[in-house]
Amino acid sequence: INQISITEFILLGFGNLHELQIPLFLLFLVIYIVTMAGNILIIALVVADQHLHTPMYFFLGNLSCLETCYSSTILPRMLAGLLTGDRTISFMDGCITQLYFFVFMVTAECFLLLVVSYDRYLAICNPLHYAALMRSWVCIQLVSGSWTMAFFTSTLITLLMARLTFCGPNNIDHFFCDFAPMLKLSCRDTSLIELVNLILCFAIILPTFLLTLICYVCIIATILRIPSTTERHKAFSTCSSHLIVVATFYGSIIISYMIPTAGTAGDLHKVFSVFYTVLTPLVNPLIYSLRNKEVKEALRKQSLGCLSV
């Protein structure tokens, strides 16, 4: 039997909420603008202000760069679909490209969140050796390793996905080209790519999550031993905010991939996907950077500098 290979998909997204298309468009547009502005502001401040040329802000600058690209991988296509109603996307140029960058960003985020937590662990739990352990070449290696692992992971997954044949239907019940909904539409054997994906999850997502969690457990244990109540509360409020971001990111990923992608459960899958693809990039600059005293001071100095010109 000859099978016609599909070259175009339809992203169903939130198409069942017909009366909410414009409100959803406006909501996600505001989120996208705020996300881009917040993360670009962090990158600009880290580059411009000498006081922010420290390991922590080097890592946070990379995280902001990641979040900028992450949002731009998902949201523009979603916004176009909500505004125009045109949800078609080509297989190779559209879907595979979007999947490549999505897997790249998720993997890089796992590693960068671990690097940030490790940096905070050393600063709080081992402050005397922090400067020696966090030299500039070590920071560059940690960040380079994160981006390199993301590159290899996304390349492997997308090469395997690009080899699949899709014969119909061509409706992806999601707002972007996610791995699981695409896999369901393939008319070829997907056991190899499913095995590779499972191995990568156990080799990357689970270990990075557990190591990040261990870092924060050690940090909280150290904070609880601080004699000053004021200092303890200050340190704990910062770390608890970081922990909320980590829990939201990993929790939503784990839950969304445990939920089936069809029917009512499919709608729940989309909701949890919004958490780690849309909301995490929005709150990261607010929690990790803009609440910090050093960043506020750098912002104040740059603002005064602009006004005096």
Protein backbone atom coordinates (compact mmCIF):
# COMPACT_ATOMS: atom_id res chain seq x y z
CA ILE A 1 0.00 0.00 0.00
CA ASN A 2 1.45 3.35 -1.02
CA GLN A 3 1.43 5.90 1.79
CA ILE A 4 1.53 9.63 1.17
CA SER A 5 4.08 11.29 3.41
CA ILE A 6 2.76 14.40 5.14
CA THR A 7 4.88 17.53 4.76
CA GLU A 8 2.69 19.90 6.76
CA PHE A 9 1.09 19.81 10.22
CA ILE A 10 -1.71 21.72 11.91
CA LEU A 11 -1.01 22.90 15.47
CA LEU A 12 -4.40 22.69 17.19
CA GLY A 13 -3.14 24.70 20.17
CA PHE A 14 -6.04 26.29 22.04
CA GLY A 15 -8.33 26.11 18.99
CA ASN A 16 -11.21 24.64 21.01
CA LEU A 17 -11.43 27.92 22.98
CA HIS A 18 -12.78 29.89 20.02
CA GLU A 19 -14.16 32.85 22.02
CA LEU A 20 -10.85 33.28 23.90
CA GLN A 21 -8.49 33.52 20.92
CA ILE A 22 -8.02 37.32 21.12
CA PRO A 23 -7.77 37.46 24.96
CA LEU A 24 -5.23 34.60 24.82
CA PHE A 25 -3.31 36.42 22.09
CA LEU A 26 -3.14 39.60 24.20
CA LEU A 27 -2.15 37.64 27.33
CA PHE A 28 0.68 35.75 25.62
CA LEU A 29 1.80 38.90 23.76
CA VAL A 30 2.21 40.76 27.08
CA ILE A 31 4.04 37.74 28.56
CA TYR A 32 6.37 37.61 25.55
CA ILE A 33 7.15 41.35 25.66
CA VAL A 34 7.81 41.30 29.43
CA THR A 35 9.91 38.12 29.15
CA MET A 36 12.06 39.55 26.36
CA ALA A 37 12.44 42.95 28.05
CA GLY A 38 13.32 41.45 31.46
CA ASN A 39 15.88 38.97 30.13
CA ILE A 40 17.50 41.42 27.68
CA LEU A 41 17.76 43.96 30.51
CA ILE A 42 19.62 41.40 32.67
CA ILE A 43 22.02 40.57 29.81
CA ALA A 44 22.69 44.29 29.16
CA LEU A 45 23.31 45.00 32.87
CA VAL A 46 25.65 42.01 33.29
CA VAL A 47 27.68 43.12 30.25
CA ALA A 48 27.72 46.86 31.09
CA ASP A 49 28.31 46.89 34.86
CA GLN A 50 31.76 45.89 36.15
CA HIS A 51 30.33 45.01 39.60
CA LEU A 52 28.25 42.25 37.97
CA HIS A 53 31.29 40.59 36.38
CA THR A 54 31.14 37.73 38.90
CA PRO A 55 30.51 33.98 38.42
CA MET A 56 26.92 34.20 39.65
CA TYR A 57 25.93 36.95 37.22
CA PHE A 58 27.87 35.30 34.40
CA PHE A 59 25.67 32.22 34.89
CA LEU A 60 22.49 34.31 35.27
CA GLY A 61 23.38 36.22 32.10
CA ASN A 62 23.62 32.91 30.24
CA LEU A 63 20.31 31.82 31.75
CA SER A 64 18.67 35.06 30.57
CA CYS A 65 20.14 34.55 27.09
CA LEU A 66 18.65 31.05 27.12
CA GLU A 67 15.22 32.30 28.23
CA THR A 68 15.19 34.91 25.44
CA CYS A 69 15.81 32.20 22.82
CA TYR A 70 13.43 29.77 24.58
CA SER A 71 10.49 32.20 24.41
CA SER A 72 11.27 33.08 20.80
CA THR A 73 11.18 29.39 19.85
CA ILE A 74 7.62 28.89 21.13
CA LEU A 75 5.66 32.13 21.46
CA PRO A 76 5.88 33.92 18.05
CA ARG A 77 4.40 30.91 16.21
CA MET A 78 1.70 30.53 18.87
CA LEU A 79 0.84 34.25 18.70
CA ALA A 80 0.58 34.11 14.90
CA GLY A 81 -1.81 31.15 15.14
CA LEU A 82 -4.00 32.88 17.74
CA LEU A 83 -4.18 36.12 15.74
CA THR A 84 -4.66 34.83 12.19
CA GLY A 85 -6.17 31.40 12.83
CA ASP A 86 -3.57 29.88 10.49
CA ARG A 87 -2.06 26.98 12.45
CA THR A 88 -0.30 25.17 9.62
CA ILE A 89 3.42 24.51 10.00
CA SER A 90 5.78 22.71 7.61
CA PHE A 91 7.45 19.49 8.75
CA MET A 92 11.14 20.16 8.10
CA ASP A 93 11.45 23.96 8.06
CA GLY A 94 8.87 24.51 10.80
CA CYS A 95 8.28 21.55 13.11
CA ILE A 96 11.70 19.90 13.09
CA THR A 97 13.43 23.30 13.51
CA GLN A 98 11.16 24.22 16.41
CA LEU A 99 11.64 20.79 18.02
CA TYR A 100 15.44 21.11 17.67
CA PHE A 101 15.57 24.44 19.48
CA PHE A 102 12.98 23.33 22.06
CA VAL A 103 15.01 20.23 23.04
CA PHE A 104 18.19 22.35 22.98
CA MET A 105 16.72 24.96 25.34
CA VAL A 106 15.16 22.46 27.78
CA THR A 107 18.43 20.51 28.04
CA ALA A 108 20.52 23.67 28.44
CA GLU A 109 18.11 24.96 31.11
CA CYS A 110 18.49 21.72 33.12
CA PHE A 111 22.27 22.14 33.14
CA LEU A 112 22.29 25.91 33.73
CA LEU A 113 19.88 25.61 36.68
CA LEU A 114 22.27 23.01 38.12
CA VAL A 115 25.27 25.31 37.53
CA VAL A 116 23.47 28.22 39.26
CA SER A 117 22.55 26.01 42.23
CA TYR A 118 26.15 24.70 42.45
CA ASP A 119 27.45 28.27 42.41
CA ARG A 120 25.11 29.22 45.28
CA TYR A 121 26.05 26.02 47.14
CA LEU A 122 29.75 26.94 47.03
CA ALA A 123 29.08 30.59 47.96
CA ILE A 124 26.96 29.69 51.01
CA CYS A 125 28.31 26.30 52.14
CA ASN A 126 31.99 26.74 51.22
CA PRO A 127 32.64 30.51 51.10
CA LEU A 128 36.36 30.33 52.00
CA HIS A 129 37.14 28.24 48.91
CA TYR A 130 34.62 29.92 46.59
CA ALA A 131 37.07 32.23 44.81
CA ALA A 132 39.56 29.39 44.24
CA LEU A 133 36.92 26.94 43.00
CA MET A 134 34.99 29.41 40.82
CA ARG A 135 37.79 30.82 38.67
CA SER A 136 36.84 32.35 35.32
CA TRP A 137 38.02 29.34 33.29
CA VAL A 138 35.93 27.01 35.48
CA CYS A 139 32.84 29.19 34.87
CA ILE A 140 33.46 29.16 31.11
CA GLN A 141 33.89 25.36 31.16
CA LEU A 142 30.65 24.85 33.11
CA VAL A 143 28.65 27.04 30.72
CA SER A 144 30.32 25.60 27.60
CA GLY A 145 29.60 22.09 28.87
CA SER A 146 25.92 22.99 29.36
CA TRP A 147 25.53 24.36 25.82
CA THR A 148 27.53 21.46 24.32
CA MET A 149 25.38 18.79 26.04
CA ALA A 150 22.26 20.62 24.82
CA PHE A 151 23.63 20.67 21.26
CA PHE A 152 24.37 16.92 21.17
CA THR A 153 21.03 16.00 22.79
CA SER A 154 18.89 18.11 20.46
CA THR A 155 20.87 17.02 17.38
CA LEU A 156 20.40 13.33 18.23
CA ILE A 157 16.66 13.65 18.92
CA THR A 158 15.88 15.76 15.84
CA LEU A 159 17.94 13.54 13.50
CA LEU A 160 15.91 10.54 14.68
CA MET A 161 12.62 12.47 14.38
CA ALA A 162 13.50 13.72 10.88
CA ARG A 163 13.81 10.09 9.71
CA LEU A 164 10.21 9.29 10.67
CA THR A 165 7.38 9.20 8.15
CA PHE A 166 4.00 10.80 8.88
CA CYS A 167 1.02 9.52 6.89
CA GLY A 168 -1.92 11.19 8.62
CA PRO A 169 -3.73 12.57 10.43
CA ASN A 170 -1.62 15.70 10.53
CA ASN A 171 -3.18 17.43 13.57
CA ILE A 172 -0.74 18.01 16.47
CA ASP A 173 -2.84 18.50 19.60
CA HIS A 174 -0.47 21.07 21.11
CA PHE A 175 0.59 24.71 20.71
CA PHE A 176 4.10 23.77 19.50
CA CYS A 177 5.87 20.80 17.91
CA ASP A 178 6.47 18.78 21.04
CA PHE A 179 8.11 15.37 21.02
CA ALA A 180 5.26 13.14 22.30
CA PRO A 181 2.34 14.53 20.19
CA MET A 182 4.50 14.32 17.03
CA LEU A 183 5.57 10.76 17.80
CA LYS A 184 1.93 9.65 18.02
CA LEU A 185 1.35 10.69 14.39
CA SER A 186 4.21 8.65 12.89
CA CYS A 187 3.35 5.62 10.75
CA ARG A 188 6.81 4.07 11.24
CA ASP A 189 8.27 2.11 14.14
CA THR A 190 9.17 4.61 16.89
CA SER A 191 10.65 2.17 19.43
CA LEU A 192 14.26 3.31 18.82
CA ILE A 193 13.59 7.01 19.33
CA GLU A 194 11.40 6.27 22.37
CA LEU A 195 14.25 4.22 23.89
CA VAL A 196 16.79 6.98 23.14
CA ASN A 197 14.47 9.58 24.67
CA LEU A 198 14.00 7.46 27.80
CA ILE A 199 17.77 6.99 28.16
CA LEU A 200 18.35 10.74 27.75
CA CYS A 201 15.68 11.53 30.36
CA PHE A 202 17.36 9.22 32.88
CA ALA A 203 20.83 10.46 31.88
CA ILE A 204 20.07 14.22 31.87
CA ILE A 205 16.77 15.40 33.36
CA LEU A 206 16.69 13.09 36.41
CA PRO A 207 20.38 13.53 37.46
CA THR A 208 20.38 17.32 36.97
CA PHE A 209 17.14 17.60 38.96
CA LEU A 210 18.44 15.45 41.82
CA LEU A 211 21.82 17.24 41.95
CA THR A 212 20.09 20.64 41.89
CA LEU A 213 17.80 19.50 44.70
CA ILE A 214 20.77 18.20 46.74
CA CYS A 215 22.53 21.57 46.34
CA TYR A 216 19.51 23.43 47.69
CA VAL A 217 19.00 20.95 50.56
CA CYS A 218 22.64 21.58 51.60
CA ILE A 219 22.13 25.35 51.20
CA ILE A 220 18.98 25.35 53.37
CA ALA A 221 20.70 23.17 56.01
CA THR A 222 23.60 25.67 56.14
CA ILE A 223 21.22 28.66 56.32
CA LEU A 224 19.37 27.12 59.27
CA ARG A 225 22.65 27.08 61.20
CA ILE A 226 23.17 30.86 60.75
CA PRO A 227 22.82 32.44 64.23
CA SER A 228 21.43 35.81 63.04
CA THR A 229 17.67 35.62 62.44
CA THR A 230 17.76 38.56 59.99
CA GLU A 231 20.59 37.06 57.91
CA ARG A 232 18.95 33.64 58.00
CA HIS A 233 15.63 35.02 56.80
CA LYS A 234 17.33 37.05 54.04
CA ALA A 235 19.31 34.06 52.73
CA PHE A 236 16.36 31.70 53.02
CA SER A 237 13.99 34.02 51.10
CA THR A 238 16.44 34.18 48.17
CA CYS A 239 17.06 30.43 48.06
CA SER A 240 13.39 29.56 48.50
CA SER A 241 12.61 31.74 45.45
CA HIS A 242 15.25 29.87 43.43
CA LEU A 243 13.81 26.57 44.63
CA ILE A 244 10.32 27.61 43.49
CA VAL A 245 11.66 28.20 39.94
CA VAL A 246 13.41 24.81 39.94
CA ALA A 247 10.30 23.03 41.31
CA THR A 248 8.01 24.76 38.76
CA PHE A 249 10.29 23.94 35.82
CA TYR A 250 11.00 20.30 36.67
CA GLY A 251 7.58 19.62 38.22
CA SER A 252 5.68 20.85 35.17
CA ILE A 253 7.96 18.90 32.78
CA ILE A 254 7.63 15.65 34.74
CA ILE A 255 3.86 15.99 35.21
CA SER A 256 3.18 17.03 31.59
CA TYR A 257 5.06 14.02 30.23
CA MET A 258 3.21 11.67 32.60
CA ILE A 259 -0.19 12.95 31.42
CA PRO A 260 -1.71 11.42 28.25
CA THR A 261 -1.89 13.81 25.27
CA ALA A 262 -5.47 13.04 24.20
CA GLY A 263 -8.91 14.34 25.22
CA THR A 264 -9.34 16.26 28.49
CA ALA A 265 -5.95 15.00 29.70
CA GLY A 266 -4.43 16.57 26.57
CA ASP A 267 -5.73 20.00 27.69
CA LEU A 268 -4.09 19.44 31.09
CA HIS A 269 -0.87 18.48 29.28
CA LYS A 270 -0.98 21.84 27.46
CA VAL A 271 -1.54 23.75 30.71
CA PHE A 272 1.52 22.20 32.37
CA SER A 273 3.50 22.80 29.17
CA VAL A 274 2.70 26.52 29.49
CA PHE A 275 4.41 26.50 32.91
CA TYR A 276 7.82 25.40 31.67
CA THR A 277 7.76 26.94 28.17
CA VAL A 278 6.12 30.31 28.90
CA LEU A 279 6.01 31.12 32.63
CA THR A 280 9.52 29.92 33.64
CA PRO A 281 11.27 32.29 31.18
CA LEU A 282 9.00 35.08 32.48
CA VAL A 283 9.72 34.64 36.21
CA ASN A 284 13.42 33.67 36.00
CA PRO A 285 14.77 37.23 35.57
CA LEU A 286 12.42 38.49 38.29
CA ILE A 287 13.40 35.84 40.84
CA TYR A 288 17.06 35.21 40.02
CA SER A 289 18.20 38.72 39.19
CA LEU A 290 15.87 41.71 39.50
CA ARG A 291 15.27 41.08 43.24
CA ASN A 292 19.03 41.20 43.94
CA LYS A 293 20.48 44.33 45.54
CA GLU A 294 23.47 44.37 43.15
CA VAL A 295 21.22 44.30 40.08
CA LYS A 296 18.98 47.06 41.45
CA GLU A 297 22.08 49.19 42.11
CA ALA A 298 23.44 48.50 38.61
CA LEU A 299 20.04 49.43 37.12
CA ARG A 300 19.98 52.66 39.14
CA LYS A 301 23.51 53.62 37.99
CA GLN A 302 22.77 52.85 34.34
CA SER A 303 19.53 54.87 34.53
CA LEU A 304 21.35 57.85 36.04
CA GLY A 305 24.06 57.52 33.39
CA CYS A 306 21.45 57.62 30.61
CA LEU A 307 19.71 60.65 32.15
CA SER A 308 22.99 62.58 32.49
CA VAL A 309 23.88 62.08 28.79
